[in-house]
Amino acid sequence: MSADPLNSASQPAVEVRRSARRRRTVSAYREGDRTVVMIPARMSRDEERRWVGVMLDKLAAQESKRMLGDAELAERAARLSEQYLDGRARPHSVRWVTNQNTRWGSCTPAEGSIRLSHRLRGMPEYVIDYVLLHELAHLLVPGHGSRFWQLLDAYPRTERARGFLEGAVAAERLPHLPAAREEQEDLED
């Protein structure tokens, strides 16, 4: 077991198990209130740190796919508003939509409606939470000025979620390279 700098009070415990028998594959699973990441013993600490992040995101995406219909999305928005915005943002509706292909979410403050793009489904929970909080903040502050960003500063994973979304946009623009994809899938299995 090795200590992981990714761990903090806001994240679940992560246990990294190294195996001399494991040559190329990395796997992860939930065990109670912690995540176990299995890696080859030969991996460097930097590779370990990178793969722990990859596997945490992958598990979160799998868990997110299994849940979050419109009703659950509205409940989640209410919890996030309570936790990070003192319950001040109260949308009338929160729902998934399939007509947003260039935005992750949108908000109409006058109607109190929030819509999230279906493209977010399957992304890590912290990313969906960030987009929800972003739209909830627009119920309180319409633009993207300093007051708006101060509201989002309360969410500890804002920068990581923004980076994930930027990466998703960049990945959509990349040419498809099947050989590279197959190699990465071998490492993830």
N, C-alpha and C. Protein backbone atom coordinates (compact mmCIF):
# COMPACT_ATOMS: atom_id res chain seq x y z
N MET A 1 0.85 -1.17 0.00
CA MET A 1 0.00 0.00 0.00
C MET A 1 0.90 1.24 0.00
N SER A 2 0.52 2.22 -0.82
CA SER A 2 1.34 3.43 -0.85
C SER A 2 0.46 4.64 -0.63
N ALA A 3 1.03 5.65 -0.03
CA ALA A 3 0.29 6.89 0.20
C ALA A 3 0.12 7.60 -1.12
N ASP A 4 -0.98 8.30 -1.25
CA ASP A 4 -1.26 8.97 -2.52
C ASP A 4 -1.56 10.43 -2.26
N PRO A 5 -0.82 11.35 -2.88
CA PRO A 5 -1.07 12.77 -2.68
C PRO A 5 -2.41 13.22 -3.23
N LEU A 6 -3.08 12.39 -4.02
CA LEU A 6 -4.41 12.75 -4.51
C LEU A 6 -5.43 12.71 -3.39
N ASN A 7 -5.15 11.95 -2.34
CA ASN A 7 -6.11 11.82 -1.25
C ASN A 7 -6.21 13.11 -0.47
N SER A 8 -7.43 13.45 -0.13
CA SER A 8 -7.69 14.58 0.75
C SER A 8 -8.99 14.29 1.46
N ALA A 9 -9.37 15.17 2.34
CA ALA A 9 -10.61 14.94 3.10
C ALA A 9 -11.82 14.87 2.19
N SER A 10 -11.79 15.53 1.04
CA SER A 10 -12.95 15.55 0.15
C SER A 10 -12.98 14.38 -0.82
N GLN A 11 -11.95 13.52 -0.81
CA GLN A 11 -11.89 12.41 -1.74
C GLN A 11 -11.86 11.10 -0.96
N PRO A 12 -12.38 10.03 -1.56
CA PRO A 12 -12.34 8.75 -0.88
C PRO A 12 -10.89 8.24 -0.78
N ALA A 13 -10.67 7.33 0.18
CA ALA A 13 -9.34 6.75 0.37
C ALA A 13 -8.97 5.89 -0.83
N VAL A 14 -7.70 5.93 -1.19
CA VAL A 14 -7.20 5.13 -2.31
C VAL A 14 -6.06 4.26 -1.78
N GLU A 15 -6.14 2.98 -2.08
CA GLU A 15 -5.06 2.06 -1.73
C GLU A 15 -4.47 1.54 -3.04
N VAL A 16 -3.16 1.71 -3.20
CA VAL A 16 -2.48 1.22 -4.39
C VAL A 16 -1.79 -0.08 -4.02
N ARG A 17 -2.09 -1.13 -4.78
CA ARG A 17 -1.47 -2.43 -4.56
C ARG A 17 -0.59 -2.75 -5.77
N ARG A 18 0.70 -2.97 -5.49
CA ARG A 18 1.65 -3.31 -6.54
C ARG A 18 1.81 -4.83 -6.60
N SER A 19 1.93 -5.35 -7.81
CA SER A 19 2.09 -6.78 -7.99
C SER A 19 3.22 -7.07 -8.97
N ALA A 20 4.14 -7.96 -8.55
CA ALA A 20 5.24 -8.35 -9.44
C ALA A 20 4.71 -9.22 -10.59
N ARG A 21 3.60 -9.90 -10.36
CA ARG A 21 3.03 -10.75 -11.42
C ARG A 21 2.30 -9.93 -12.47
N ARG A 22 1.83 -8.78 -12.10
CA ARG A 22 1.11 -7.91 -13.04
C ARG A 22 2.14 -7.22 -13.93
N ARG A 23 2.03 -7.41 -15.23
CA ARG A 23 3.02 -6.86 -16.16
C ARG A 23 2.60 -5.54 -16.80
N ARG A 24 1.39 -5.51 -17.36
CA ARG A 24 0.98 -4.33 -18.13
C ARG A 24 -0.34 -3.75 -17.71
N THR A 25 -1.15 -4.49 -17.01
CA THR A 25 -2.52 -4.03 -16.78
C THR A 25 -2.65 -3.24 -15.49
N VAL A 26 -3.63 -2.35 -15.50
CA VAL A 26 -4.01 -1.57 -14.32
C VAL A 26 -5.50 -1.79 -14.14
N SER A 27 -5.91 -2.02 -12.91
CA SER A 27 -7.34 -2.18 -12.65
C SER A 27 -7.68 -1.49 -11.34
N ALA A 28 -8.97 -1.26 -11.15
CA ALA A 28 -9.43 -0.60 -9.93
C ALA A 28 -10.82 -1.08 -9.59
N TYR A 29 -11.12 -1.07 -8.30
CA TYR A 29 -12.46 -1.44 -7.84
C TYR A 29 -12.71 -0.78 -6.49
N ARG A 30 -13.97 -0.71 -6.13
CA ARG A 30 -14.37 -0.14 -4.85
C ARG A 30 -14.38 -1.27 -3.82
N GLU A 31 -13.86 -0.97 -2.65
CA GLU A 31 -13.88 -1.92 -1.54
C GLU A 31 -14.32 -1.14 -0.31
N GLY A 32 -15.60 -1.24 -0.01
CA GLY A 32 -16.14 -0.45 1.09
C GLY A 32 -16.06 1.03 0.77
N ASP A 33 -15.43 1.80 1.67
CA ASP A 33 -15.35 3.25 1.47
C ASP A 33 -14.03 3.68 0.83
N ARG A 34 -13.31 2.74 0.24
CA ARG A 34 -12.06 3.10 -0.42
C ARG A 34 -11.99 2.49 -1.82
N THR A 35 -11.05 2.98 -2.59
CA THR A 35 -10.80 2.47 -3.94
C THR A 35 -9.45 1.77 -3.94
N VAL A 36 -9.42 0.57 -4.51
CA VAL A 36 -8.18 -0.19 -4.63
C VAL A 36 -7.74 -0.13 -6.09
N VAL A 37 -6.51 0.30 -6.32
CA VAL A 37 -5.95 0.37 -7.67
C VAL A 37 -4.80 -0.63 -7.72
N MET A 38 -4.89 -1.57 -8.65
CA MET A 38 -3.87 -2.61 -8.82
C MET A 38 -2.97 -2.21 -9.99
N ILE A 39 -1.64 -2.15 -9.73
CA ILE A 39 -0.70 -1.74 -10.77
C ILE A 39 0.50 -2.69 -10.79
N PRO A 40 1.24 -2.70 -11.91
CA PRO A 40 2.49 -3.48 -11.95
C PRO A 40 3.51 -2.90 -10.96
N ALA A 41 4.29 -3.77 -10.35
CA ALA A 41 5.29 -3.34 -9.36
C ALA A 41 6.34 -2.41 -9.98
N ARG A 42 6.63 -2.57 -11.25
CA ARG A 42 7.69 -1.80 -11.91
C ARG A 42 7.33 -0.34 -12.18
N MET A 43 6.09 0.05 -12.01
CA MET A 43 5.67 1.42 -12.32
C MET A 43 6.34 2.44 -11.40
N SER A 44 6.71 3.57 -11.99
CA SER A 44 7.30 4.65 -11.20
C SER A 44 6.19 5.34 -10.40
N ARG A 45 6.59 6.17 -9.45
CA ARG A 45 5.60 6.91 -8.64
C ARG A 45 4.79 7.86 -9.52
N ASP A 46 5.43 8.47 -10.52
CA ASP A 46 4.71 9.37 -11.43
C ASP A 46 3.67 8.61 -12.23
N GLU A 47 4.05 7.42 -12.74
CA GLU A 47 3.09 6.59 -13.48
C GLU A 47 1.95 6.16 -12.56
N GLU A 48 2.30 5.80 -11.33
CA GLU A 48 1.28 5.41 -10.35
C GLU A 48 0.28 6.53 -10.15
N ARG A 49 0.79 7.72 -9.92
CA ARG A 49 -0.08 8.88 -9.67
C ARG A 49 -1.00 9.13 -10.87
N ARG A 50 -0.42 9.05 -12.07
CA ARG A 50 -1.22 9.27 -13.29
C ARG A 50 -2.30 8.20 -13.42
N TRP A 51 -1.93 6.94 -13.22
CA TRP A 51 -2.90 5.85 -13.39
C TRP A 51 -3.96 5.85 -12.30
N VAL A 52 -3.61 6.27 -11.09
CA VAL A 52 -4.63 6.38 -10.04
C VAL A 52 -5.69 7.39 -10.48
N GLY A 53 -5.25 8.54 -11.00
CA GLY A 53 -6.20 9.55 -11.50
C GLY A 53 -7.07 9.01 -12.62
N VAL A 54 -6.45 8.32 -13.57
CA VAL A 54 -7.19 7.74 -14.70
C VAL A 54 -8.23 6.75 -14.20
N MET A 55 -7.83 5.88 -13.29
CA MET A 55 -8.74 4.83 -12.82
C MET A 55 -9.85 5.39 -11.93
N LEU A 56 -9.55 6.42 -11.13
CA LEU A 56 -10.61 7.06 -10.34
C LEU A 56 -11.66 7.69 -11.27
N ASP A 57 -11.18 8.35 -12.32
CA ASP A 57 -12.10 8.95 -13.28
C ASP A 57 -12.92 7.88 -13.99
N LYS A 58 -12.28 6.77 -14.35
CA LYS A 58 -12.97 5.69 -15.05
C LYS A 58 -14.06 5.07 -14.17
N LEU A 59 -13.74 4.81 -12.91
CA LEU A 59 -14.74 4.25 -11.99
C LEU A 59 -15.90 5.22 -11.78
N ALA A 60 -15.57 6.50 -11.60
CA ALA A 60 -16.62 7.50 -11.40
C ALA A 60 -17.53 7.59 -12.62
N ALA A 61 -16.94 7.49 -13.82
CA ALA A 61 -17.74 7.52 -15.05
C ALA A 61 -18.67 6.32 -15.12
N GLN A 62 -18.17 5.14 -14.76
CA GLN A 62 -19.01 3.94 -14.77
C GLN A 62 -20.16 4.08 -13.78
N GLU A 63 -19.87 4.61 -12.61
CA GLU A 63 -20.91 4.80 -11.59
C GLU A 63 -21.92 5.84 -12.03
N SER A 64 -21.45 6.88 -12.69
CA SER A 64 -22.34 7.94 -13.16
C SER A 64 -23.30 7.43 -14.23
N LYS A 65 -22.83 6.50 -15.07
CA LYS A 65 -23.70 5.92 -16.11
C LYS A 65 -24.87 5.16 -15.52
N ARG A 66 -24.66 4.58 -14.35
CA ARG A 66 -25.69 3.76 -13.74
C ARG A 66 -26.75 4.58 -13.03
N MET A 67 -26.55 5.87 -12.92
CA MET A 67 -27.51 6.67 -12.16
C MET A 67 -27.80 7.99 -12.85
N LEU A 68 -28.45 8.85 -12.15
CA LEU A 68 -28.73 10.21 -12.58
C LEU A 68 -29.73 10.34 -13.72
N GLY A 69 -30.98 10.05 -13.44
CA GLY A 69 -32.05 10.46 -14.33
C GLY A 69 -32.35 11.92 -14.00
N ASP A 70 -33.38 12.49 -14.61
CA ASP A 70 -33.72 13.89 -14.35
C ASP A 70 -34.05 14.13 -12.88
N ALA A 71 -34.79 13.22 -12.24
CA ALA A 71 -35.16 13.41 -10.84
C ALA A 71 -33.92 13.41 -9.95
N GLU A 72 -33.00 12.47 -10.21
CA GLU A 72 -31.77 12.41 -9.42
C GLU A 72 -30.89 13.64 -9.67
N LEU A 73 -30.92 14.12 -10.90
CA LEU A 73 -30.15 15.31 -11.24
C LEU A 73 -30.67 16.52 -10.45
N ALA A 74 -31.99 16.65 -10.34
CA ALA A 74 -32.59 17.75 -9.58
C ALA A 74 -32.23 17.63 -8.10
N GLU A 75 -32.27 16.40 -7.56
CA GLU A 75 -31.89 16.18 -6.16
C GLU A 75 -30.43 16.54 -5.93
N ARG A 76 -29.61 16.16 -6.88
CA ARG A 76 -28.18 16.46 -6.77
C ARG A 76 -27.95 17.97 -6.80
N ALA A 77 -28.67 18.67 -7.68
CA ALA A 77 -28.55 20.13 -7.75
C ALA A 77 -28.94 20.76 -6.42
N ALA A 78 -30.00 20.26 -5.80
CA ALA A 78 -30.44 20.80 -4.50
C ALA A 78 -29.36 20.59 -3.44
N ARG A 79 -28.75 19.40 -3.43
CA ARG A 79 -27.68 19.12 -2.45
C ARG A 79 -26.48 20.02 -2.69
N LEU A 80 -26.10 20.20 -3.95
CA LEU A 80 -24.95 21.05 -4.27
C LEU A 80 -25.22 22.50 -3.89
N SER A 81 -26.44 22.97 -4.13
CA SER A 81 -26.80 24.33 -3.76
C SER A 81 -26.68 24.52 -2.25
N GLU A 82 -27.17 23.54 -1.49
CA GLU A 82 -27.06 23.61 -0.03
C GLU A 82 -25.60 23.62 0.41
N GLN A 83 -24.82 22.71 -0.15
CA GLN A 83 -23.45 22.54 0.29
C GLN A 83 -22.54 23.70 -0.09
N TYR A 84 -22.69 24.23 -1.29
CA TYR A 84 -21.73 25.22 -1.78
C TYR A 84 -22.29 26.63 -1.95
N LEU A 85 -23.61 26.76 -2.02
CA LEU A 85 -24.21 28.08 -2.27
C LEU A 85 -25.21 28.47 -1.18
N ASP A 86 -25.08 27.86 -0.01
CA ASP A 86 -25.96 28.12 1.13
C ASP A 86 -27.44 27.97 0.77
N GLY A 87 -27.75 27.12 -0.19
CA GLY A 87 -29.14 26.84 -0.57
C GLY A 87 -29.83 27.98 -1.31
N ARG A 88 -29.06 28.99 -1.72
CA ARG A 88 -29.66 30.16 -2.37
C ARG A 88 -30.09 29.92 -3.80
N ALA A 89 -29.46 28.98 -4.49
CA ALA A 89 -29.82 28.69 -5.89
C ALA A 89 -30.89 27.60 -5.88
N ARG A 90 -32.09 27.95 -6.34
CA ARG A 90 -33.22 27.01 -6.32
C ARG A 90 -33.85 26.94 -7.71
N PRO A 91 -33.37 26.03 -8.52
CA PRO A 91 -33.93 25.92 -9.87
C PRO A 91 -35.35 25.32 -9.83
N HIS A 92 -36.16 25.73 -10.81
CA HIS A 92 -37.50 25.14 -10.95
C HIS A 92 -37.43 23.82 -11.69
N SER A 93 -36.44 23.69 -12.57
CA SER A 93 -36.27 22.42 -13.28
C SER A 93 -34.79 22.20 -13.60
N VAL A 94 -34.41 20.92 -13.54
CA VAL A 94 -33.05 20.50 -13.89
C VAL A 94 -33.23 19.23 -14.70
N ARG A 95 -32.69 19.23 -15.93
CA ARG A 95 -32.90 18.05 -16.76
C ARG A 95 -31.78 17.87 -17.78
N TRP A 96 -31.69 16.62 -18.27
CA TRP A 96 -30.77 16.30 -19.35
C TRP A 96 -31.41 16.70 -20.68
N VAL A 97 -30.62 17.16 -21.63
CA VAL A 97 -31.11 17.47 -22.97
C VAL A 97 -30.15 16.91 -24.01
N THR A 98 -30.65 16.66 -25.18
CA THR A 98 -29.82 16.10 -26.26
C THR A 98 -29.53 17.11 -27.36
N ASN A 99 -29.96 18.35 -27.18
CA ASN A 99 -29.76 19.34 -28.23
C ASN A 99 -28.61 20.31 -27.94
N GLN A 100 -27.74 19.97 -26.99
CA GLN A 100 -26.58 20.83 -26.69
C GLN A 100 -25.31 20.10 -27.08
N ASN A 101 -24.82 20.41 -28.25
CA ASN A 101 -23.61 19.74 -28.72
C ASN A 101 -22.38 20.60 -28.64
N THR A 102 -22.55 21.87 -28.30
CA THR A 102 -21.38 22.75 -28.17
C THR A 102 -21.26 23.31 -26.75
N ARG A 103 -22.23 23.03 -25.88
CA ARG A 103 -22.20 23.48 -24.49
C ARG A 103 -22.33 22.27 -23.59
N TRP A 104 -21.83 22.42 -22.37
CA TRP A 104 -22.00 21.36 -21.38
C TRP A 104 -23.30 21.55 -20.61
N GLY A 105 -23.73 22.78 -20.50
CA GLY A 105 -24.96 23.07 -19.77
C GLY A 105 -25.43 24.46 -20.10
N SER A 106 -26.67 24.75 -19.69
CA SER A 106 -27.19 26.10 -19.87
C SER A 106 -28.20 26.38 -18.77
N CYS A 107 -28.44 27.66 -18.57
CA CYS A 107 -29.34 28.10 -17.51
C CYS A 107 -30.15 29.29 -18.01
N THR A 108 -31.43 29.29 -17.70
CA THR A 108 -32.28 30.44 -17.97
C THR A 108 -32.75 30.97 -16.63
N PRO A 109 -32.04 31.98 -16.08
CA PRO A 109 -32.37 32.47 -14.74
C PRO A 109 -33.82 32.93 -14.59
N ALA A 110 -34.38 33.57 -15.62
CA ALA A 110 -35.75 34.07 -15.52
C ALA A 110 -36.76 32.94 -15.30
N GLU A 111 -36.47 31.78 -15.88
CA GLU A 111 -37.36 30.62 -15.72
C GLU A 111 -36.90 29.70 -14.60
N GLY A 112 -35.67 29.86 -14.16
CA GLY A 112 -35.12 28.97 -13.15
C GLY A 112 -34.86 27.57 -13.68
N SER A 113 -34.54 27.48 -14.97
CA SER A 113 -34.32 26.16 -15.57
C SER A 113 -32.84 25.94 -15.88
N ILE A 114 -32.41 24.70 -15.62
CA ILE A 114 -31.05 24.28 -15.90
C ILE A 114 -31.13 23.05 -16.79
N ARG A 115 -30.29 23.05 -17.83
CA ARG A 115 -30.22 21.92 -18.75
C ARG A 115 -28.77 21.48 -18.87
N LEU A 116 -28.55 20.17 -18.77
CA LEU A 116 -27.21 19.62 -18.95
C LEU A 116 -27.18 18.77 -20.21
N SER A 117 -26.09 18.89 -20.94
CA SER A 117 -25.93 18.12 -22.17
C SER A 117 -25.80 16.64 -21.86
N HIS A 118 -26.43 15.83 -22.70
CA HIS A 118 -26.34 14.38 -22.58
C HIS A 118 -24.89 13.90 -22.73
N ARG A 119 -24.03 14.73 -23.32
CA ARG A 119 -22.62 14.37 -23.48
C ARG A 119 -21.89 14.24 -22.15
N LEU A 120 -22.47 14.80 -21.07
CA LEU A 120 -21.86 14.68 -19.74
C LEU A 120 -22.11 13.31 -19.12
N ARG A 121 -23.13 12.61 -19.60
CA ARG A 121 -23.44 11.29 -19.03
C ARG A 121 -22.23 10.39 -19.19
N GLY A 122 -21.88 9.72 -18.13
CA GLY A 122 -20.72 8.85 -18.16
C GLY A 122 -19.42 9.54 -17.76
N MET A 123 -19.44 10.85 -17.60
CA MET A 123 -18.25 11.55 -17.13
C MET A 123 -18.18 11.40 -15.61
N PRO A 124 -17.02 11.62 -15.03
CA PRO A 124 -16.89 11.50 -13.57
C PRO A 124 -17.90 12.40 -12.84
N GLU A 125 -18.32 11.94 -11.68
CA GLU A 125 -19.32 12.68 -10.91
C GLU A 125 -18.86 14.09 -10.58
N TYR A 126 -17.58 14.27 -10.26
CA TYR A 126 -17.12 15.61 -9.90
C TYR A 126 -17.25 16.58 -11.08
N VAL A 127 -17.19 16.07 -12.31
CA VAL A 127 -17.35 16.92 -13.50
C VAL A 127 -18.82 17.33 -13.63
N ILE A 128 -19.72 16.38 -13.47
CA ILE A 128 -21.15 16.69 -13.53
C ILE A 128 -21.51 17.67 -12.41
N ASP A 129 -20.96 17.45 -11.22
CA ASP A 129 -21.21 18.37 -10.10
C ASP A 129 -20.73 19.78 -10.44
N TYR A 130 -19.56 19.88 -11.06
CA TYR A 130 -19.04 21.19 -11.42
C TYR A 130 -19.98 21.90 -12.41
N VAL A 131 -20.42 21.19 -13.44
CA VAL A 131 -21.30 21.81 -14.43
C VAL A 131 -22.62 22.22 -13.77
N LEU A 132 -23.15 21.36 -12.91
CA LEU A 132 -24.38 21.72 -12.19
C LEU A 132 -24.16 22.97 -11.34
N LEU A 133 -23.05 23.01 -10.61
CA LEU A 133 -22.76 24.19 -9.79
C LEU A 133 -22.58 25.44 -10.64
N HIS A 134 -21.94 25.27 -11.78
CA HIS A 134 -21.75 26.40 -12.70
C HIS A 134 -23.11 26.99 -13.08
N GLU A 135 -24.03 26.10 -13.45
CA GLU A 135 -25.36 26.58 -13.85
C GLU A 135 -26.15 27.10 -12.65
N LEU A 136 -26.01 26.46 -11.50
CA LEU A 136 -26.68 26.96 -10.29
C LEU A 136 -26.18 28.37 -9.95
N ALA A 137 -24.88 28.60 -10.10
CA ALA A 137 -24.31 29.92 -9.83
C ALA A 137 -24.92 30.97 -10.75
N HIS A 138 -25.28 30.57 -11.98
CA HIS A 138 -25.91 31.53 -12.90
C HIS A 138 -27.30 31.94 -12.44
N LEU A 139 -27.94 31.16 -11.60
CA LEU A 139 -29.22 31.59 -11.03
C LEU A 139 -29.02 32.77 -10.09
N LEU A 140 -27.81 32.88 -9.54
CA LEU A 140 -27.49 33.95 -8.60
C LEU A 140 -26.75 35.10 -9.27
N VAL A 141 -25.89 34.78 -10.23
CA VAL A 141 -25.09 35.78 -10.95
C VAL A 141 -25.13 35.42 -12.43
N PRO A 142 -25.80 36.22 -13.26
CA PRO A 142 -25.98 35.85 -14.66
C PRO A 142 -24.70 35.75 -15.50
N GLY A 143 -23.75 36.61 -15.33
CA GLY A 143 -22.56 36.61 -16.19
C GLY A 143 -21.42 35.79 -15.63
N HIS A 144 -20.22 35.98 -16.21
CA HIS A 144 -19.03 35.26 -15.78
C HIS A 144 -18.01 36.21 -15.14
N GLY A 145 -18.49 37.18 -14.40
CA GLY A 145 -17.60 38.14 -13.74
C GLY A 145 -16.97 37.55 -12.50
N SER A 146 -16.25 38.39 -11.78
CA SER A 146 -15.51 37.92 -10.60
C SER A 146 -16.45 37.39 -9.51
N ARG A 147 -17.63 37.99 -9.36
CA ARG A 147 -18.58 37.50 -8.36
C ARG A 147 -19.02 36.07 -8.68
N PHE A 148 -19.22 35.79 -9.95
CA PHE A 148 -19.61 34.43 -10.39
C PHE A 148 -18.52 33.43 -10.02
N TRP A 149 -17.27 33.74 -10.36
CA TRP A 149 -16.17 32.81 -10.11
C TRP A 149 -15.89 32.66 -8.62
N GLN A 150 -16.17 33.68 -7.83
CA GLN A 150 -16.03 33.56 -6.37
C GLN A 150 -16.99 32.50 -5.83
N LEU A 151 -18.19 32.42 -6.40
CA LEU A 151 -19.12 31.39 -5.97
C LEU A 151 -18.57 30.00 -6.25
N LEU A 152 -17.96 29.82 -7.40
CA LEU A 152 -17.43 28.50 -7.77
C LEU A 152 -16.15 28.14 -7.03
N ASP A 153 -15.50 29.14 -6.43
CA ASP A 153 -14.29 28.86 -5.65
C ASP A 153 -14.58 27.94 -4.47
N ALA A 154 -15.82 27.89 -4.03
CA ALA A 154 -16.19 27.03 -2.90
C ALA A 154 -16.06 25.54 -3.26
N TYR A 155 -16.20 25.22 -4.54
CA TYR A 155 -16.12 23.82 -4.97
C TYR A 155 -14.66 23.44 -5.15
N PRO A 156 -14.14 22.48 -4.38
CA PRO A 156 -12.70 22.20 -4.41
C PRO A 156 -12.18 21.57 -5.69
N ARG A 157 -13.05 21.05 -6.54
CA ARG A 157 -12.56 20.38 -7.75
C ARG A 157 -12.86 21.17 -9.03
N THR A 158 -13.08 22.47 -8.88
CA THR A 158 -13.39 23.31 -10.04
C THR A 158 -12.31 23.22 -11.10
N GLU A 159 -11.06 23.44 -10.73
CA GLU A 159 -9.99 23.45 -11.73
C GLU A 159 -9.81 22.08 -12.37
N ARG A 160 -9.91 21.03 -11.58
CA ARG A 160 -9.75 19.68 -12.13
C ARG A 160 -10.89 19.39 -13.12
N ALA A 161 -12.12 19.75 -12.76
CA ALA A 161 -13.26 19.51 -13.65
C ALA A 161 -13.12 20.32 -14.93
N ARG A 162 -12.71 21.56 -14.81
CA ARG A 162 -12.51 22.39 -16.02
C ARG A 162 -11.44 21.77 -16.91
N GLY A 163 -10.38 21.27 -16.31
CA GLY A 163 -9.32 20.62 -17.08
C GLY A 163 -9.83 19.36 -17.77
N PHE A 164 -10.66 18.59 -17.08
CA PHE A 164 -11.24 17.38 -17.67
C PHE A 164 -12.08 17.74 -18.89
N LEU A 165 -12.93 18.77 -18.74
CA LEU A 165 -13.79 19.19 -19.86
C LEU A 165 -12.96 19.72 -21.02
N GLU A 166 -11.91 20.48 -20.73
CA GLU A 166 -11.02 20.97 -21.80
C GLU A 166 -10.38 19.79 -22.53
N GLY A 167 -9.98 18.79 -21.76
CA GLY A 167 -9.39 17.59 -22.36
C GLY A 167 -10.38 16.84 -23.23
N ALA A 168 -11.65 16.78 -22.78
CA ALA A 168 -12.69 16.10 -23.57
C ALA A 168 -12.91 16.82 -24.89
N VAL A 169 -12.91 18.14 -24.87
CA VAL A 169 -13.07 18.92 -26.10
C VAL A 169 -11.87 18.69 -27.01
N ALA A 170 -10.67 18.71 -26.45
CA ALA A 170 -9.46 18.49 -27.26
C ALA A 170 -9.46 17.08 -27.85
N ALA A 171 -9.89 16.09 -27.08
CA ALA A 171 -9.91 14.71 -27.57
C ALA A 171 -10.86 14.54 -28.74
N GLU A 172 -11.97 15.28 -28.73
CA GLU A 172 -12.92 15.20 -29.83
C GLU A 172 -12.30 15.68 -31.14
N ARG A 173 -11.31 16.55 -31.05
CA ARG A 173 -10.66 17.11 -32.23
C ARG A 173 -9.52 16.26 -32.75
N LEU A 174 -9.04 15.30 -31.95
CA LEU A 174 -7.90 14.48 -32.35
C LEU A 174 -8.28 13.49 -33.44
N PRO A 175 -7.34 13.19 -34.31
CA PRO A 175 -7.62 12.13 -35.30
C PRO A 175 -7.67 10.80 -34.56
N HIS A 176 -8.44 9.88 -35.07
CA HIS A 176 -8.56 8.57 -34.44
C HIS A 176 -7.34 7.73 -34.77
N LEU A 177 -6.63 7.29 -33.74
CA LEU A 177 -5.44 6.49 -33.91
C LEU A 177 -5.67 5.13 -33.25
N PRO A 178 -6.22 4.16 -33.97
CA PRO A 178 -6.57 2.87 -33.36
C PRO A 178 -5.41 2.18 -32.65
N ALA A 179 -4.19 2.22 -33.18
CA ALA A 179 -3.06 1.52 -32.56
C ALA A 179 -2.79 2.09 -31.17
N ALA A 180 -2.79 3.41 -31.03
CA ALA A 180 -2.54 4.03 -29.73
C ALA A 180 -3.67 3.70 -28.77
N ARG A 181 -4.89 3.69 -29.25
CA ARG A 181 -6.03 3.38 -28.40
C ARG A 181 -5.96 1.95 -27.89
N GLU A 182 -5.59 1.00 -28.75
CA GLU A 182 -5.48 -0.40 -28.35
C GLU A 182 -4.41 -0.58 -27.28
N GLU A 183 -3.28 0.12 -27.43
CA GLU A 183 -2.20 0.03 -26.44
C GLU A 183 -2.68 0.51 -25.08
N GLN A 184 -3.40 1.65 -25.05
CA GLN A 184 -3.90 2.17 -23.78
C GLN A 184 -4.92 1.23 -23.17
N GLU A 185 -5.79 0.64 -23.97
CA GLU A 185 -6.78 -0.29 -23.45
C GLU A 185 -6.11 -1.51 -22.84
N ASP A 186 -4.99 -1.96 -23.43
CA ASP A 186 -4.24 -3.07 -22.84
C ASP A 186 -3.75 -2.69 -21.44
N LEU A 187 -3.28 -1.46 -21.29
CA LEU A 187 -2.79 -1.01 -19.99
C LEU A 187 -3.92 -0.89 -18.97
N GLU A 188 -5.12 -0.53 -19.42
CA GLU A 188 -6.24 -0.34 -18.51
C GLU A 188 -6.88 -1.65 -18.09
N ASP A 189 -6.73 -2.71 -18.87
CA ASP A 189 -7.39 -3.98 -18.53
C ASP A 189 -6.82 -4.64 -17.31
